[in-house]
PDB file of N, CA and C in Angstrom:
ATOM      1  N   MET A   1     -34.346  21.934  52.011  1.00  0.00           N
ATOM      2  CA  MET A   1     -33.228  22.168  52.450  1.00  0.00           C
ATOM      3  C   MET A   1     -32.416  23.185  52.160  1.00  0.00           C
ATOM      4  N   THR A   2     -32.625  23.398  50.920  1.00  0.00           N
ATOM      5  CA  THR A   2     -31.868  24.323  50.644  1.00  0.00           C
ATOM      6  C   THR A   2     -31.984  25.849  51.423  1.00  0.00           C
ATOM      7  N   ALA A   3     -33.276  26.002  51.326  1.00  0.00           N
ATOM      8  CA  ALA A   3     -33.478  27.385  52.614  1.00  0.00           C
ATOM      9  C   ALA A   3     -32.852  26.291  54.136  1.00  0.00           C
ATOM     10  N   GLY A   4     -33.018  25.517  54.519  1.00  0.00           N
ATOM     11  CA  GLY A   4     -32.753  25.608  55.766  1.00  0.00           C
ATOM     12  C   GLY A   4     -31.018  25.610  56.065  1.00  0.00           C
ATOM     13  N   PHE A   5     -30.262  24.981  54.938  1.00  0.00           N
ATOM     14  CA  PHE A   5     -28.792  25.459  54.860  1.00  0.00           C
ATOM     15  C   PHE A   5     -28.579  27.014  54.587  1.00  0.00           C
ATOM     16  N   MET A   6     -29.683  27.444  53.780  1.00  0.00           N
ATOM     17  CA  MET A   6     -28.970  29.286  53.638  1.00  0.00           C
ATOM     18  C   MET A   6     -29.853  29.519  55.112  1.00  0.00           C
ATOM     19  N   GLY A   7     -30.755  29.679  55.844  1.00  0.00           N
ATOM     20  CA  GLY A   7     -31.350  30.183  56.844  1.00  0.00           C
ATOM     21  C   GLY A   7     -30.107  29.699  58.192  1.00  0.00           C
ATOM     22  N   MET A   8     -29.227  28.523  58.288  1.00  0.00           N
ATOM     23  CA  MET A   8     -27.824  28.853  59.607  1.00  0.00           C
ATOM     24  C   MET A   8     -27.163  29.166  59.271  1.00  0.00           C
ATOM     25  N   ALA A   9     -26.516  29.542  57.593  1.00  0.00           N
ATOM     26  CA  ALA A   9     -25.572  29.981  56.682  1.00  0.00           C
ATOM     27  C   ALA A   9     -25.819  31.616  57.330  1.00  0.00           C
ATOM     28  N   VAL A  10     -26.893  31.802  56.732  1.00  0.00           N
ATOM     29  CA  VAL A  10     -26.973  33.727  57.392  1.00  0.00           C
ATOM     30  C   VAL A  10     -27.406  33.808  59.405  1.00  0.00           C
ATOM     31  N   ALA A  11     -27.227  32.677  59.799  1.00  0.00           N
ATOM     32  CA  ALA A  11     -27.395  32.843  61.648  1.00  0.00           C
ATOM     33  C   ALA A  11     -26.383  32.741  61.868  1.00  0.00           C
ATOM     34  N   ILE A  12     -24.818  31.933  60.989  1.00  0.00           N
ATOM     35  CA  ILE A  12     -23.997  31.633  61.078  1.00  0.00           C
ATOM     36  C   ILE A  12     -23.196  32.959  60.974  1.00  0.00           C
ATOM     37  N   ILE A  13     -23.616  33.690  60.358  1.00  0.00           N
ATOM     38  CA  ILE A  13     -22.733  34.788  59.810  1.00  0.00           C
ATOM     39  C   ILE A  13     -22.599  35.855  60.527  1.00  0.00           C
ATOM     40  N   LEU A  14     -23.819  35.688  60.673  1.00  0.00           N
ATOM     41  CA  LEU A  14     -24.300  37.179  61.773  1.00  0.00           C
ATOM     42  C   LEU A  14     -24.074  37.054  63.369  1.00  0.00           C
ATOM     43  N   PHE A  15     -23.837  35.745  63.520  1.00  0.00           N
ATOM     44  CA  PHE A  15     -23.666  35.596  64.537  1.00  0.00           C
ATOM     45  C   PHE A  15     -21.452  35.687  65.009  1.00  0.00           C
ATOM     46  N   GLY A  16     -21.159  35.831  63.855  1.00  0.00           N
ATOM     47  CA  GLY A  16     -19.707  35.540  63.526  1.00  0.00           C
ATOM     48  C   GLY A  16     -19.529  37.217  63.840  1.00  0.00           C
ATOM     49  N   TRP A  17     -20.095  37.544  62.702  1.00  0.00           N
ATOM     50  CA  TRP A  17     -20.403  39.553  62.909  1.00  0.00           C
ATOM     51  C   TRP A  17     -19.934  39.635  64.336  1.00  0.00           C
ATOM     52  N   ILE A  18     -20.927  39.471  65.302  1.00  0.00           N
ATOM     53  CA  ILE A  18     -21.231  40.011  65.994  1.00  0.00           C
ATOM     54  C   ILE A  18     -19.939  39.975  67.644  1.00  0.00           C
ATOM     55  N   ILE A  19     -19.524  38.474  67.353  1.00  0.00           N
ATOM     56  CA  ILE A  19     -18.873  37.864  67.479  1.00  0.00           C
ATOM     57  C   ILE A  19     -17.099  39.166  67.513  1.00  0.00           C
ATOM     58  N   GLY A  20     -17.334  38.677  66.308  1.00  0.00           N
ATOM     59  CA  GLY A  20     -15.709  39.839  65.782  1.00  0.00           C
ATOM     60  C   GLY A  20     -16.074  41.241  66.207  1.00  0.00           C
ATOM     61  N   VAL A  21     -17.138  41.727  65.830  1.00  0.00           N
ATOM     62  CA  VAL A  21     -17.406  43.295  66.177  1.00  0.00           C
ATOM     63  C   VAL A  21     -16.785  43.423  67.793  1.00  0.00           C
ATOM     64  N   LEU A  22     -17.505  42.692  68.716  1.00  0.00           N
ATOM     65  CA  LEU A  22     -16.845  42.161  70.246  1.00  0.00           C
ATOM     66  C   LEU A  22     -15.427  41.970  70.248  1.00  0.00           C
ATOM     67  N   GLY A  23     -14.656  41.212  69.716  1.00  0.00           N
ATOM     68  CA  GLY A  23     -13.589  40.731  69.683  1.00  0.00           C
ATOM     69  C   GLY A  23     -13.055  42.445  69.204  1.00  0.00           C
ATOM     70  N   CYS A  24     -13.061  42.902  68.436  1.00  0.00           N
ATOM     71  CA  CYS A  24     -12.239  44.176  67.921  1.00  0.00           C
ATOM     72  C   CYS A  24     -12.627  45.089  69.099  1.00  0.00           C
ATOM     73  N   CYS A  25     -13.247  45.584  69.152  1.00  0.00           N
ATOM     74  CA  CYS A  25     -13.768  46.050  70.649  1.00  0.00           C
ATOM     75  C   CYS A  25     -13.508  45.464  72.393  1.00  0.00           C
ATOM     76  N   TRP A  26     -13.351  44.674  72.019  1.00  0.00           N
ATOM     77  CA  TRP A  26     -12.363  44.123  73.736  1.00  0.00           C
ATOM     78  C   TRP A  26     -10.719  44.047  73.086  1.00  0.00           C
ATOM     79  N   ASP A  27     -10.406  43.676  71.787  1.00  0.00           N
ATOM     80  CA  ASP A  27      -9.104  43.643  71.788  1.00  0.00           C
ATOM     81  C   ASP A  27      -8.655  42.077  72.330  1.00  0.00           C
ATOM     82  N   ARG A  28      -9.641  41.173  72.189  1.00  0.00           N
ATOM     83  CA  ARG A  28      -9.569  39.779  72.206  1.00  0.00           C
ATOM     84  C   ARG A  28      -8.985  38.880  70.625  1.00  0.00           C
ATOM     85  N   GLY A  29      -7.783  38.608  70.833  1.00  0.00           N
ATOM     86  CA  GLY A  29      -7.638  37.836  69.486  1.00  0.00           C
ATOM     87  C   GLY A  29      -8.458  36.355  69.626  1.00  0.00           C
ATOM     88  N   LEU A  30      -8.927  35.528  70.684  1.00  0.00           N
ATOM     89  CA  LEU A  30      -9.653  34.376  70.641  1.00  0.00           C
ATOM     90  C   LEU A  30     -10.832  34.531  70.092  1.00  0.00           C
ATOM     91  N   MET A  31     -11.491  35.905  70.944  1.00  0.00           N
ATOM     92  CA  MET A  31     -13.144  35.649  69.904  1.00  0.00           C
ATOM     93  C   MET A  31     -12.582  36.336  68.517  1.00  0.00           C
ATOM     94  N   GLN A  32     -12.007  36.785  68.133  1.00  0.00           N
ATOM     95  CA  GLN A  32     -11.309  37.298  66.525  1.00  0.00           C
ATOM     96  C   GLN A  32     -11.360  35.888  66.059  1.00  0.00           C
ATOM     97  N   TYR A  33     -10.231  35.160  66.438  1.00  0.00           N
ATOM     98  CA  TYR A  33     -10.381  33.741  66.328  1.00  0.00           C
ATOM     99  C   TYR A  33     -11.774  33.028  65.681  1.00  0.00           C
ATOM    100  N   VAL A  34     -12.465  33.023  66.780  1.00  0.00           N
ATOM    101  CA  VAL A  34     -13.858  32.152  66.755  1.00  0.00           C
ATOM    102  C   VAL A  34     -14.763  32.628  65.816  1.00  0.00           C
ATOM    103  N   ALA A  35     -14.638  33.904  65.286  1.00  0.00           N
ATOM    104  CA  ALA A  35     -15.521  34.559  64.366  1.00  0.00           C
ATOM    105  C   ALA A  35     -15.096  34.231  63.068  1.00  0.00           C
ATOM    106  N   GLY A  36     -13.823  33.913  63.034  1.00  0.00           N
ATOM    107  CA  GLY A  36     -13.333  33.576  61.559  1.00  0.00           C
ATOM    108  C   GLY A  36     -13.647  32.380  61.362  1.00  0.00           C
ATOM    109  N   LEU A  37     -13.360  31.671  62.365  1.00  0.00           N
ATOM    110  CA  LEU A  37     -13.843  30.107  62.088  1.00  0.00           C
ATOM    111  C   LEU A  37     -15.127  30.460  62.490  1.00  0.00           C
ATOM    112  N   LEU A  38     -16.751  30.737  62.199  1.00  0.00           N
ATOM    113  CA  LEU A  38     -17.728  30.990  62.394  1.00  0.00           C
ATOM    114  C   LEU A  38     -18.040  31.653  60.652  1.00  0.00           C
ATOM    115  N   PHE A  39     -17.186  32.498  60.458  1.00  0.00           N
ATOM    116  CA  PHE A  39     -17.229  32.703  58.719  1.00  0.00           C
ATOM    117  C   PHE A  39     -17.249  31.624  57.834  1.00  0.00           C
ATOM    118  N   LEU A  40     -15.863  31.624  58.071  1.00  0.00           N
ATOM    119  CA  LEU A  40     -16.047  29.628  57.402  1.00  0.00           C
ATOM    120  C   LEU A  40     -16.809  28.659  57.305  1.00  0.00           C
ATOM    121  N   MET A  41     -17.127  28.584  58.039  1.00  0.00           N
ATOM    122  CA  MET A  41     -18.630  27.789  59.032  1.00  0.00           C
ATOM    123  C   MET A  41     -19.623  28.126  57.730  1.00  0.00           C
ATOM    124  N   GLY A  42     -20.073  29.428  57.977  1.00  0.00           N
ATOM    125  CA  GLY A  42     -20.943  30.104  57.574  1.00  0.00           C
ATOM    126  C   GLY A  42     -21.208  29.461  55.603  1.00  0.00           C
ATOM    127  N   GLY A  43     -19.627  29.944  55.136  1.00  0.00           N
ATOM    128  CA  GLY A  43     -19.186  29.993  54.018  1.00  0.00           C
ATOM    129  C   GLY A  43     -19.516  28.193  53.312  1.00  0.00           C
ATOM    130  N   THR A  44     -19.696  27.331  54.200  1.00  0.00           N
ATOM    131  CA  THR A  44     -19.532  26.307  53.920  1.00  0.00           C
ATOM    132  C   THR A  44     -21.131  25.739  54.064  1.00  0.00           C
ATOM    133  N   PHE A  45     -21.838  26.312  55.068  1.00  0.00           N
ATOM    134  CA  PHE A  45     -23.061  25.910  54.520  1.00  0.00           C
ATOM    135  C   PHE A  45     -24.017  27.090  53.572  1.00  0.00           C
ATOM    136  N   CYS A  46     -23.368  27.938  53.022  1.00  0.00           N
ATOM    137  CA  CYS A  46     -23.471  28.351  51.468  1.00  0.00           C
ATOM    138  C   CYS A  46     -23.403  27.621  50.794  1.00  0.00           C
ATOM    139  N   ILE A  47     -22.100  26.955  50.894  1.00  0.00           N
ATOM    140  CA  ILE A  47     -21.677  26.358  49.471  1.00  0.00           C
ATOM    141  C   ILE A  47     -22.538  25.065  48.909  1.00  0.00           C
ATOM    142  N   ILE A  48     -23.204  24.516  50.891  1.00  0.00           N
ATOM    143  CA  ILE A  48     -24.243  23.262  50.205  1.00  0.00           C
ATOM    144  C   ILE A  48     -25.706  24.181  50.159  1.00  0.00           C
ATOM    145  N   SER A  49     -25.897  24.849  50.517  1.00  0.00           N
ATOM    146  CA  SER A  49     -27.066  25.619  49.840  1.00  0.00           C
ATOM    147  C   SER A  49     -27.208  25.379  48.790  1.00  0.00           C
ATOM    148  N   LEU A  50     -26.158  26.331  48.068  1.00  0.00           N
ATOM    149  CA  LEU A  50     -26.331  25.918  46.717  1.00  0.00           C
ATOM    150  C   LEU A  50     -26.377  23.994  45.844  1.00  0.00           C
ATOM    151  N   CYS A  51     -25.342  23.455  46.376  1.00  0.00           N
ATOM    152  CA  CYS A  51     -25.175  22.568  46.371  1.00  0.00           C
ATOM    153  C   CYS A  51     -27.236  21.444  45.998  1.00  0.00           C
ATOM    154  N   THR A  52     -27.410  21.428  47.186  1.00  0.00           N
ATOM    155  CA  THR A  52     -28.728  21.081  47.365  1.00  0.00           C
ATOM    156  C   THR A  52     -29.760  21.585  46.233  1.00  0.00           C
ATOM    157  N   CYS A  53     -29.559  23.230  46.147  1.00  0.00           N
ATOM    158  CA  CYS A  53     -30.422  23.554  45.181  1.00  0.00           C
ATOM    159  C   CYS A  53     -30.638  22.832  43.566  1.00  0.00           C
ATOM    160  N   VAL A  54     -28.862  22.760  43.302  1.00  0.00           N
ATOM    161  CA  VAL A  54     -28.984  21.984  42.103  1.00  0.00           C
ATOM    162  C   VAL A  54     -29.217  20.921  41.634  1.00  0.00           C
ATOM    163  N   ALA A  55     -29.164  20.179  42.832  1.00  0.00           N
ATOM    164  CA  ALA A  55     -29.553  18.688  42.838  1.00  0.00           C
ATOM    165  C   ALA A  55     -31.018  18.808  42.761  1.00  0.00           C
ATOM    166  N   GLY A  56     -31.907  19.803  43.268  1.00  0.00           N
ATOM    167  CA  GLY A  56     -33.223  19.445  43.080  1.00  0.00           C
ATOM    168  C   GLY A  56     -33.492  19.876  41.570  1.00  0.00           C
ATOM    169  N   ILE A  57     -32.509  21.023  41.438  1.00  0.00           N
ATOM    170  CA  ILE A  57     -33.308  21.378  39.863  1.00  0.00           C
ATOM    171  C   ILE A  57     -32.664  20.177  38.561  1.00  0.00           C
ATOM    172  N   ASN A  58     -31.449  19.377  38.990  1.00  0.00           N
ATOM    173  CA  ASN A  58     -31.075  18.406  38.395  1.00  0.00           C
ATOM    174  C   ASN A  58     -31.738  17.098  38.055  1.00  0.00           C
ATOM    175  N   PHE A  59     -32.629  16.598  39.414  1.00  0.00           N
ATOM    176  CA  PHE A  59     -33.684  16.159  40.145  1.00  0.00           C
ATOM    177  C   PHE A  59     -35.013  16.279  38.452  1.00  0.00           C
ATOM    178  N   GLU A  60     -35.088  17.580  39.162  1.00  0.00           N
ATOM    179  CA  GLU A  60     -36.452  17.604  38.343  1.00  0.00           C
ATOM    180  C   GLU A  60     -36.693  17.636  36.528  1.00  0.00           C
ATOM    181  N   LEU A  61     -35.510  18.050  36.218  1.00  0.00           N
ATOM    182  CA  LEU A  61     -34.827  17.952  35.138  1.00  0.00           C
ATOM    183  C   LEU A  61     -34.464  16.369  34.166  1.00  0.00           C
ATOM    184  N   SER A  62     -34.453  15.325  35.237  1.00  0.00           N
ATOM    185  CA  SER A  62     -34.175  14.199  34.308  1.00  0.00           C
ATOM    186  C   SER A  62     -35.229  13.432  34.707  1.00  0.00           C
ATOM    187  N   ARG A  63     -36.349  14.146  34.794  1.00  0.00           N
ATOM    188  CA  ARG A  63     -37.717  13.281  35.013  1.00  0.00           C
ATOM    189  C   ARG A  63     -38.525  13.382  33.889  1.00  0.00           C
ATOM    190  N   TYR A  64     -38.102  14.297  32.732  1.00  0.00           N
ATOM    191  CA  TYR A  64     -38.895  14.262  31.538  1.00  0.00           C
ATOM    192  C   TYR A  64     -38.801  13.017  30.883  1.00  0.00           C
ATOM    193  N   PRO A  65     -39.993  13.236  30.302  1.00  0.00           N
ATOM    194  CA  PRO A  65     -39.759  11.620  29.495  1.00  0.00           C
ATOM    195  C   PRO A  65     -38.915  11.982  28.230  1.00  0.00           C
ATOM    196  N   ARG A  66     -38.444  10.913  27.447  1.00  0.00           N
ATOM    197  CA  ARG A  66     -37.623  10.612  27.008  1.00  0.00           C
ATOM    198  C   ARG A  66     -38.160  11.302  25.322  1.00  0.00           C
ATOM    199  N   TYR A  67     -39.218  11.470  24.923  1.00  0.00           N
ATOM    200  CA  TYR A  67     -39.849  11.807  23.577  1.00  0.00           C
ATOM    201  C   TYR A  67     -39.734  12.979  23.402  1.00  0.00           C
ATOM    202  N   LEU A  68     -39.533  13.920  24.805  1.00  0.00           N
ATOM    203  CA  LEU A  68     -39.481  15.196  24.524  1.00  0.00           C
ATOM    204  C   LEU A  68     -38.194  15.734  23.871  1.00  0.00           C
ATOM    205  N   TYR A  69     -37.061  15.295  24.005  1.00  0.00           N
ATOM    206  CA  TYR A  69     -35.982  15.492  23.696  1.00  0.00           C
ATOM    207  C   TYR A  69     -35.500  14.543  22.267  1.00  0.00           C
ATOM    208  N   GLY A  70     -36.521  13.999  21.924  1.00  0.00           N
ATOM    209  CA  GLY A  70     -36.382  13.013  20.194  1.00  0.00           C
ATOM    210  C   GLY A  70     -35.250  12.190  20.785  1.00  0.00           C
ATOM    211  N   LEU A  71     -34.703  11.886  22.009  1.00  0.00           N
ATOM    212  CA  LEU A  71     -33.499  11.179  21.573  1.00  0.00           C
ATOM    213  C   LEU A  71     -34.018   9.386  21.294  1.00  0.00           C
ATOM    214  N   PRO A  72     -33.146   8.146  20.386  1.00  0.00           N
ATOM    215  CA  PRO A  72     -33.595   7.420  19.899  1.00  0.00           C
ATOM    216  C   PRO A  72     -33.236   6.494  21.333  1.00  0.00           C
ATOM    217  N   ASP A  73     -34.024   4.985  20.997  1.00  0.00           N
ATOM    218  CA  ASP A  73     -33.956   4.398  22.545  1.00  0.00           C
ATOM    219  C   ASP A  73     -32.759   4.028  23.154  1.00  0.00           C
ATOM    220  N   ASP A  74     -31.448   3.536  22.676  1.00  0.00           N
ATOM    221  CA  ASP A  74     -29.942   3.309  23.053  1.00  0.00           C
ATOM    222  C   ASP A  74     -29.359   4.580  23.073  1.00  0.00           C
ATOM    223  N   ILE A  75     -29.952   6.040  23.306  1.00  0.00           N
ATOM    224  CA  ILE A  75     -28.904   6.932  24.344  1.00  0.00           C
ATOM    225  C   ILE A  75     -29.507   7.889  25.347  1.00  0.00           C
ATOM    226  N   SER A  76     -28.924   7.483  26.326  1.00  0.00           N
ATOM    227  CA  SER A  76     -29.548   7.828  27.462  1.00  0.00           C
ATOM    228  C   SER A  76     -28.939   9.572  27.539  1.00  0.00           C
ATOM    229  N   HIS A  77     -30.199  10.262  28.221  1.00  0.00           N
ATOM    230  CA  HIS A  77     -30.293  11.437  28.967  1.00  0.00           C
ATOM    231  C   HIS A  77     -29.846  11.873  30.370  1.00  0.00           C
ATOM    232  N   GLY A  78     -29.661  12.814  30.434  1.00  0.00           N
ATOM    233  CA  GLY A  78     -29.987  13.260  31.895  1.00  0.00           C
ATOM    234  C   GLY A  78     -28.651  14.534  32.090  1.00  0.00           C
ATOM    235  N   TYR A  79     -28.481  15.074  33.333  1.00  0.00           N
ATOM    236  CA  TYR A  79     -27.907  16.415  33.655  1.00  0.00           C
ATOM    237  C   TYR A  79     -26.742  15.432  35.253  1.00  0.00           C
ATOM    238  N   GLY A  80     -25.950  16.167  34.923  1.00  0.00           N
ATOM    239  CA  GLY A  80     -24.386  15.395  36.055  1.00  0.00           C
ATOM    240  C   GLY A  80     -24.065  16.261  36.384  1.00  0.00           C
ATOM    241  N   TRP A  81     -22.404  16.257  36.822  1.00  0.00           N
ATOM    242  CA  TRP A  81     -21.988  16.984  37.551  1.00  0.00           C
ATOM    243  C   TRP A  81     -21.342  18.606  36.858  1.00  0.00           C
ATOM    244  N   SER A  82     -21.644  18.476  35.437  1.00  0.00           N
ATOM    245  CA  SER A  82     -21.298  19.478  34.907  1.00  0.00           C
ATOM    246  C   SER A  82     -22.233  20.672  35.356  1.00  0.00           C
ATOM    247  N   MET A  83     -23.231  19.896  35.606  1.00  0.00           N
ATOM    248  CA  MET A  83     -24.203  21.332  36.088  1.00  0.00           C
ATOM    249  C   MET A  83     -23.934  21.609  37.156  1.00  0.00           C
ATOM    250  N   PHE A  84     -23.346  21.122  38.476  1.00  0.00           N
ATOM    251  CA  PHE A  84     -22.777  21.876  39.623  1.00  0.00           C
ATOM    252  C   PHE A  84     -21.537  22.342  39.253  1.00  0.00           C
ATOM    253  N   SER A  85     -20.805  22.346  38.208  1.00  0.00           N
ATOM    254  CA  SER A  85     -20.049  23.165  38.057  1.00  0.00           C
ATOM    255  C   SER A  85     -20.050  24.457  37.563  1.00  0.00           C
TER     256      SER A  85
END
Protein backbone atom coordinates (compact mmCIF):
# COMPACT_ATOMS: atom_id res chain seq x y z
CA MET A 1 0.00 0.00 0.00
CA THR A 2 2.86 2.34 0.79
CA ALA A 3 4.48 1.73 -2.56
CA GLY A 4 1.17 2.26 -4.34
CA PHE A 5 0.54 5.63 -2.73
CA MET A 6 4.16 6.68 -3.28
CA GLY A 7 3.92 5.69 -6.96
CA MET A 8 0.74 7.71 -7.35
CA ALA A 9 2.39 10.68 -5.64
CA VAL A 10 5.41 10.58 -7.96
CA ALA A 11 3.19 10.27 -11.04
CA ILE A 12 0.97 13.17 -9.97
CA ILE A 13 3.96 15.39 -9.12
CA LEU A 14 5.62 14.66 -12.48
CA PHE A 15 2.37 15.38 -14.31
CA GLY A 16 2.00 18.61 -12.30
CA TRP A 17 5.56 19.57 -13.23
CA ILE A 18 4.79 19.08 -16.94
CA ILE A 19 1.56 21.09 -16.68
CA GLY A 20 3.43 23.82 -14.77
CA VAL A 21 6.15 24.10 -17.39
CA LEU A 22 3.58 24.24 -20.18
CA GLY A 23 1.62 26.87 -18.22
CA CYS A 24 4.75 29.01 -17.85
CA CYS A 25 5.66 28.69 -21.53
CA TRP A 26 2.17 29.55 -22.76
CA ASP A 27 1.51 32.05 -19.93
CA ARG A 28 -1.79 30.44 -18.97
CA GLY A 29 -2.94 31.15 -15.43
CA LEU A 30 -5.37 28.24 -15.33
CA MET A 31 -2.66 25.70 -16.15
CA GLN A 32 -0.48 27.05 -13.34
CA TYR A 33 -3.43 26.82 -10.95
CA VAL A 34 -4.02 23.20 -11.99
CA ALA A 35 -0.31 22.45 -11.56
CA GLY A 36 -0.46 23.86 -8.02
CA LEU A 37 -3.43 21.66 -7.22
CA LEU A 38 -1.60 18.63 -8.62
CA PHE A 39 1.41 19.39 -6.41
CA LEU A 40 -0.92 19.68 -3.42
CA MET A 41 -2.52 16.34 -4.27
CA GLY A 42 0.91 14.73 -4.75
CA GLY A 43 2.00 16.00 -1.34
CA THR A 44 -1.16 14.57 0.20
CA PHE A 45 -0.39 11.16 -1.30
CA CYS A 46 3.17 11.38 0.08
CA ILE A 47 1.79 11.99 3.56
CA ILE A 48 -0.66 9.09 3.17
CA SER A 49 2.15 6.77 2.06
CA LEU A 50 4.22 7.74 5.11
CA CYS A 51 1.25 7.07 7.39
CA THR A 52 0.68 3.62 5.88
CA CYS A 53 4.38 2.84 6.30
CA VAL A 54 4.29 3.82 9.98
CA ALA A 55 1.04 1.89 10.48
CA GLY A 56 2.74 -1.23 9.09
CA ILE A 57 5.70 -0.79 11.42
CA ASN A 58 3.30 -0.18 14.33
CA PHE A 59 1.45 -3.41 13.52
CA GLU A 60 4.65 -5.44 13.33
CA LEU A 61 6.03 -4.06 16.60
CA SER A 62 2.74 -4.72 18.42
CA ARG A 63 2.82 -8.43 17.49
CA TYR A 64 5.86 -9.32 19.61
CA PRO A 65 5.11 -11.60 22.57
CA ARG A 66 4.74 -9.99 25.98
CA TYR A 67 7.57 -11.94 27.57
CA LEU A 68 10.14 -10.23 25.32
CA TYR A 69 9.56 -6.96 27.15
CA GLY A 70 9.45 -8.50 30.63
CA LEU A 71 6.22 -6.69 31.47
CA PRO A 72 3.82 -7.90 34.16
CA ASP A 73 0.44 -9.21 33.05
CA ASP A 74 -1.47 -6.12 34.19
CA ILE A 75 0.59 -3.72 32.03
CA SER A 76 -0.10 -3.46 28.32
CA HIS A 77 2.39 -2.42 25.69
CA GLY A 78 2.09 -1.01 22.23
CA TYR A 79 2.91 1.87 19.98
CA GLY A 80 0.33 4.51 19.23
CA TRP A 81 0.07 8.02 17.87
CA SER A 82 3.51 8.97 19.17
CA MET A 83 5.01 6.82 16.45
CA PHE A 84 3.07 8.73 13.77
CA SER A 85 4.37 12.01 15.16
